[in-house]
Amino acid sequence: MKTAARLYQTHGRQGLRVAANRASKLAQEGDRGGAMEWLLISEAVQQIIQEKETPDAGT
């Protein structure tokens, strides 16, 4: 997901917090669809963090 990759590239691990905060704000505003989209982005950022920052077991 391009948005998640850009968040990670720009903010590093803090991209996860940025996405979660955006999801929370949209939910409070009543935008359930937008909130769900940002939750998915948050999950994608988490996956990127795990892939980039977890050392391979085989190396």
PDB file of N, CA and C in Angstrom:
ATOM      1  N   MET A   1       0.849  -1.169   0.000  1.00  0.00           N
ATOM      2  CA  MET A   1       0.000   0.000   0.000  1.00  0.00           C
ATOM      3  C   MET A   1       0.896   1.234   0.000  1.00  0.00           C
ATOM      4  N   LYS A   2       0.710   2.092  -0.979  1.00  0.00           N
ATOM      5  CA  LYS A   2       1.573   3.256  -1.158  1.00  0.00           C
ATOM      6  C   LYS A   2       1.525   4.223   0.025  1.00  0.00           C
ATOM      7  N   THR A   3       0.350   4.435   0.573  1.00  0.00           N
ATOM      8  CA  THR A   3       0.225   5.378   1.683  1.00  0.00           C
ATOM      9  C   THR A   3       1.018   4.892   2.887  1.00  0.00           C
ATOM     10  N   ALA A   4       0.931   3.627   3.191  1.00  0.00           N
ATOM     11  CA  ALA A   4       1.668   3.068   4.325  1.00  0.00           C
ATOM     12  C   ALA A   4       3.170   3.171   4.097  1.00  0.00           C
ATOM     13  N   ALA A   5       3.608   2.872   2.897  1.00  0.00           N
ATOM     14  CA  ALA A   5       5.036   2.955   2.584  1.00  0.00           C
ATOM     15  C   ALA A   5       5.536   4.385   2.718  1.00  0.00           C
ATOM     16  N   ARG A   6       4.741   5.332   2.266  1.00  0.00           N
ATOM     17  CA  ARG A   6       5.137   6.737   2.367  1.00  0.00           C
ATOM     18  C   ARG A   6       5.171   7.186   3.830  1.00  0.00           C
ATOM     19  N   LEU A   7       4.184   6.758   4.613  1.00  0.00           N
ATOM     20  CA  LEU A   7       4.187   7.101   6.037  1.00  0.00           C
ATOM     21  C   LEU A   7       5.440   6.561   6.716  1.00  0.00           C
ATOM     22  N   TYR A   8       5.788   5.319   6.414  1.00  0.00           N
ATOM     23  CA  TYR A   8       6.986   4.730   7.016  1.00  0.00           C
ATOM     24  C   TYR A   8       8.236   5.466   6.549  1.00  0.00           C
ATOM     25  N   GLN A   9       8.281   5.775   5.271  1.00  0.00           N
ATOM     26  CA  GLN A   9       9.445   6.470   4.716  1.00  0.00           C
ATOM     27  C   GLN A   9       9.611   7.858   5.358  1.00  0.00           C
ATOM     28  N   THR A  10       8.511   8.546   5.566  1.00  0.00           N
ATOM     29  CA  THR A  10       8.546   9.902   6.108  1.00  0.00           C
ATOM     30  C   THR A  10       8.718   9.933   7.624  1.00  0.00           C
ATOM     31  N   HIS A  11       8.000   9.046   8.321  1.00  0.00           N
ATOM     32  CA  HIS A  11       7.941   9.122   9.778  1.00  0.00           C
ATOM     33  C   HIS A  11       8.594   7.955  10.504  1.00  0.00           C
ATOM     34  N   GLY A  12       9.017   6.936   9.782  1.00  0.00           N
ATOM     35  CA  GLY A  12       9.576   5.761  10.438  1.00  0.00           C
ATOM     36  C   GLY A  12       8.511   5.087  11.292  1.00  0.00           C
ATOM     37  N   ARG A  13       8.905   4.620  12.464  1.00  0.00           N
ATOM     38  CA  ARG A  13       7.963   3.934  13.356  1.00  0.00           C
ATOM     39  C   ARG A  13       6.798   4.833  13.773  1.00  0.00           C
ATOM     40  N   GLN A  14       7.016   6.139  13.781  1.00  0.00           N
ATOM     41  CA  GLN A  14       5.960   7.076  14.164  1.00  0.00           C
ATOM     42  C   GLN A  14       4.821   7.105  13.143  1.00  0.00           C
ATOM     43  N   GLY A  15       5.063   6.571  11.947  1.00  0.00           N
ATOM     44  CA  GLY A  15       4.008   6.479  10.945  1.00  0.00           C
ATOM     45  C   GLY A  15       2.825   5.671  11.446  1.00  0.00           C
ATOM     46  N   LEU A  16       3.092   4.713  12.288  1.00  0.00           N
ATOM     47  CA  LEU A  16       2.033   3.910  12.897  1.00  0.00           C
ATOM     48  C   LEU A  16       1.129   4.798  13.753  1.00  0.00           C
ATOM     49  N   ARG A  17       1.726   5.662  14.535  1.00  0.00           N
ATOM     50  CA  ARG A  17       0.964   6.587  15.380  1.00  0.00           C
ATOM     51  C   ARG A  17       0.193   7.597  14.525  1.00  0.00           C
ATOM     52  N   VAL A  18       0.820   8.092  13.467  1.00  0.00           N
ATOM     53  CA  VAL A  18       0.158   9.045  12.573  1.00  0.00           C
ATOM     54  C   VAL A  18      -1.117   8.421  11.996  1.00  0.00           C
ATOM     55  N   ALA A  19      -1.012   7.200  11.504  1.00  0.00           N
ATOM     56  CA  ALA A  19      -2.171   6.524  10.904  1.00  0.00           C
ATOM     57  C   ALA A  19      -3.250   6.259  11.956  1.00  0.00           C
ATOM     58  N   ALA A  20      -2.851   5.828  13.127  1.00  0.00           N
ATOM     59  CA  ALA A  20      -3.823   5.542  14.189  1.00  0.00           C
ATOM     60  C   ALA A  20      -4.533   6.822  14.638  1.00  0.00           C
ATOM     61  N   ASN A  21      -3.796   7.905  14.750  1.00  0.00           N
ATOM     62  CA  ASN A  21      -4.407   9.182  15.138  1.00  0.00           C
ATOM     63  C   ASN A  21      -5.399   9.658  14.086  1.00  0.00           C
ATOM     64  N   ARG A  22      -5.042   9.482  12.825  1.00  0.00           N
ATOM     65  CA  ARG A  22      -5.949   9.881  11.742  1.00  0.00           C
ATOM     66  C   ARG A  22      -7.219   9.034  11.785  1.00  0.00           C
ATOM     67  N   ALA A  23      -7.086   7.751  12.010  1.00  0.00           N
ATOM     68  CA  ALA A  23      -8.251   6.865  12.104  1.00  0.00           C
ATOM     69  C   ALA A  23      -9.142   7.301  13.266  1.00  0.00           C
ATOM     70  N   SER A  24      -8.541   7.619  14.389  1.00  0.00           N
ATOM     71  CA  SER A  24      -9.295   8.039  15.564  1.00  0.00           C
ATOM     72  C   SER A  24     -10.056   9.335  15.297  1.00  0.00           C
ATOM     73  N   LYS A  25      -9.387  10.293  14.667  1.00  0.00           N
ATOM     74  CA  LYS A  25     -10.021  11.578  14.370  1.00  0.00           C
ATOM     75  C   LYS A  25     -11.212  11.392  13.430  1.00  0.00           C
ATOM     76  N   LEU A  26     -11.030  10.589  12.403  1.00  0.00           N
ATOM     77  CA  LEU A  26     -12.120  10.357  11.459  1.00  0.00           C
ATOM     78  C   LEU A  26     -13.289   9.647  12.132  1.00  0.00           C
ATOM     79  N   ALA A  27     -12.996   8.707  13.007  1.00  0.00           N
ATOM     80  CA  ALA A  27     -14.059   8.005  13.732  1.00  0.00           C
ATOM     81  C   ALA A  27     -14.840   8.981  14.606  1.00  0.00           C
ATOM     82  N   GLN A  28     -14.149   9.869  15.275  1.00  0.00           N
ATOM     83  CA  GLN A  28     -14.810  10.864  16.120  1.00  0.00           C
ATOM     84  C   GLN A  28     -15.684  11.804  15.304  1.00  0.00           C
ATOM     85  N   GLU A  29     -15.280  12.041  14.060  1.00  0.00           N
ATOM     86  CA  GLU A  29     -16.049  12.915  13.168  1.00  0.00           C
ATOM     87  C   GLU A  29     -17.199  12.173  12.507  1.00  0.00           C
ATOM     88  N   GLY A  30     -17.290  10.882  12.744  1.00  0.00           N
ATOM     89  CA  GLY A  30     -18.380  10.094  12.178  1.00  0.00           C
ATOM     90  C   GLY A  30     -18.089   9.494  10.814  1.00  0.00           C
ATOM     91  N   ASP A  31     -16.848   9.605  10.355  1.00  0.00           N
ATOM     92  CA  ASP A  31     -16.462   9.045   9.053  1.00  0.00           C
ATOM     93  C   ASP A  31     -15.949   7.621   9.256  1.00  0.00           C
ATOM     94  N   ARG A  32     -16.870   6.682   9.357  1.00  0.00           N
ATOM     95  CA  ARG A  32     -16.496   5.291   9.632  1.00  0.00           C
ATOM     96  C   ARG A  32     -15.669   4.692   8.494  1.00  0.00           C
ATOM     97  N   GLY A  33     -16.042   4.997   7.259  1.00  0.00           N
ATOM     98  CA  GLY A  33     -15.292   4.464   6.123  1.00  0.00           C
ATOM     99  C   GLY A  33     -13.863   4.960   6.100  1.00  0.00           C
ATOM    100  N   GLY A  34     -13.687   6.258   6.331  1.00  0.00           N
ATOM    101  CA  GLY A  34     -12.340   6.829   6.380  1.00  0.00           C
ATOM    102  C   GLY A  34     -11.536   6.260   7.525  1.00  0.00           C
ATOM    103  N   ALA A  35     -12.196   6.094   8.664  1.00  0.00           N
ATOM    104  CA  ALA A  35     -11.515   5.525   9.830  1.00  0.00           C
ATOM    105  C   ALA A  35     -11.047   4.099   9.539  1.00  0.00           C
ATOM    106  N   MET A  36     -11.909   3.319   8.910  1.00  0.00           N
ATOM    107  CA  MET A  36     -11.530   1.936   8.573  1.00  0.00           C
ATOM    108  C   MET A  36     -10.347   1.913   7.603  1.00  0.00           C
ATOM    109  N   GLU A  37     -10.364   2.815   6.641  1.00  0.00           N
ATOM    110  CA  GLU A  37      -9.259   2.888   5.674  1.00  0.00           C
ATOM    111  C   GLU A  37      -7.942   3.179   6.388  1.00  0.00           C
ATOM    112  N   TRP A  38      -7.966   4.118   7.334  1.00  0.00           N
ATOM    113  CA  TRP A  38      -6.749   4.456   8.059  1.00  0.00           C
ATOM    114  C   TRP A  38      -6.329   3.367   9.033  1.00  0.00           C
ATOM    115  N   LEU A  39      -7.273   2.590   9.524  1.00  0.00           N
ATOM    116  CA  LEU A  39      -6.896   1.427  10.337  1.00  0.00           C
ATOM    117  C   LEU A  39      -6.161   0.400   9.477  1.00  0.00           C
ATOM    118  N   LEU A  40      -6.623   0.219   8.250  1.00  0.00           N
ATOM    119  CA  LEU A  40      -5.925  -0.689   7.334  1.00  0.00           C
ATOM    120  C   LEU A  40      -4.533  -0.168   7.012  1.00  0.00           C
ATOM    121  N   ILE A  41      -4.422   1.141   6.838  1.00  0.00           N
ATOM    122  CA  ILE A  41      -3.103   1.741   6.592  1.00  0.00           C
ATOM    123  C   ILE A  41      -2.205   1.521   7.800  1.00  0.00           C
ATOM    124  N   SER A  42      -2.762   1.679   8.989  1.00  0.00           N
ATOM    125  CA  SER A  42      -2.010   1.443  10.217  1.00  0.00           C
ATOM    126  C   SER A  42      -1.480   0.010  10.266  1.00  0.00           C
ATOM    127  N   GLU A  43      -2.318  -0.947   9.916  1.00  0.00           N
ATOM    128  CA  GLU A  43      -1.889  -2.348   9.884  1.00  0.00           C
ATOM    129  C   GLU A  43      -0.786  -2.563   8.848  1.00  0.00           C
ATOM    130  N   ALA A  44      -0.897  -1.892   7.715  1.00  0.00           N
ATOM    131  CA  ALA A  44       0.132  -2.027   6.680  1.00  0.00           C
ATOM    132  C   ALA A  44       1.455  -1.428   7.149  1.00  0.00           C
ATOM    133  N   VAL A  45       1.402  -0.312   7.853  1.00  0.00           N
ATOM    134  CA  VAL A  45       2.626   0.277   8.415  1.00  0.00           C
ATOM    135  C   VAL A  45       3.252  -0.693   9.408  1.00  0.00           C
ATOM    136  N   GLN A  46       2.431  -1.308  10.232  1.00  0.00           N
ATOM    137  CA  GLN A  46       2.941  -2.288  11.203  1.00  0.00           C
ATOM    138  C   GLN A  46       3.645  -3.434  10.488  1.00  0.00           C
ATOM    139  N   GLN A  47       3.072  -3.890   9.397  1.00  0.00           N
ATOM    140  CA  GLN A  47       3.687  -4.973   8.626  1.00  0.00           C
ATOM    141  C   GLN A  47       5.031  -4.529   8.043  1.00  0.00           C
ATOM    142  N   ILE A  48       5.086  -3.309   7.545  1.00  0.00           N
ATOM    143  CA  ILE A  48       6.350  -2.779   7.004  1.00  0.00           C
ATOM    144  C   ILE A  48       7.397  -2.722   8.103  1.00  0.00           C
ATOM    145  N   ILE A  49       7.005  -2.256   9.275  1.00  0.00           N
ATOM    146  CA  ILE A  49       7.938  -2.188  10.405  1.00  0.00           C
ATOM    147  C   ILE A  49       8.492  -3.572  10.715  1.00  0.00           C
ATOM    148  N   GLN A  50       7.613  -4.559  10.765  1.00  0.00           N
ATOM    149  CA  GLN A  50       8.060  -5.920  11.064  1.00  0.00           C
ATOM    150  C   GLN A  50       9.008  -6.442   9.988  1.00  0.00           C
ATOM    151  N   GLU A  51       8.692  -6.187   8.726  1.00  0.00           N
ATOM    152  CA  GLU A  51       9.534  -6.673   7.639  1.00  0.00           C
ATOM    153  C   GLU A  51      10.887  -5.985   7.620  1.00  0.00           C
ATOM    154  N   LYS A  52      10.913  -4.685   7.875  1.00  0.00           N
ATOM    155  CA  LYS A  52      12.158  -3.906   7.760  1.00  0.00           C
ATOM    156  C   LYS A  52      13.026  -3.991   9.014  1.00  0.00           C
ATOM    157  N   GLU A  53      12.376  -4.183  10.170  1.00  0.00           N
ATOM    158  CA  GLU A  53      13.124  -4.069  11.414  1.00  0.00           C
ATOM    159  C   GLU A  53      13.324  -5.383  12.156  1.00  0.00           C
ATOM    160  N   THR A  54      12.763  -6.466  11.642  1.00  0.00           N
ATOM    161  CA  THR A  54      12.958  -7.772  12.261  1.00  0.00           C
ATOM    162  C   THR A  54      14.063  -8.506  11.506  1.00  0.00           C
ATOM    163  N   PRO A  55      15.141  -8.845  12.205  1.00  0.00           N
ATOM    164  CA  PRO A  55      16.217  -9.562  11.524  1.00  0.00           C
ATOM    165  C   PRO A  55      15.722 -10.942  11.048  1.00  0.00           C
ATOM    166  N   ASP A  56      16.230 -11.345   9.904  1.00  0.00           N
ATOM    167  CA  ASP A  56      15.887 -12.684   9.384  1.00  0.00           C
ATOM    168  C   ASP A  56      16.451 -13.750  10.295  1.00  0.00           C
ATOM    169  N   ALA A  57      15.652 -14.759  10.542  1.00  0.00           N
ATOM    170  CA  ALA A  57      16.079 -15.850  11.409  1.00  0.00           C
ATOM    171  C   ALA A  57      17.210 -16.655  10.784  1.00  0.00           C
ATOM    172  N   GLY A  58      17.270 -16.670   9.460  1.00  0.00           N
ATOM    173  CA  GLY A  58      18.261 -17.493   8.777  1.00  0.00           C
ATOM    174  C   GLY A  58      19.604 -16.849   8.580  1.00  0.00           C
ATOM    175  N   THR A  59      19.771 -15.580   8.974  1.00  0.00           N
ATOM    176  CA  THR A  59      21.060 -14.934   8.747  1.00  0.00           C
ATOM    177  C   THR A  59      21.828 -14.711  10.006  1.00  0.00           C
TER     178      THR A  59
END
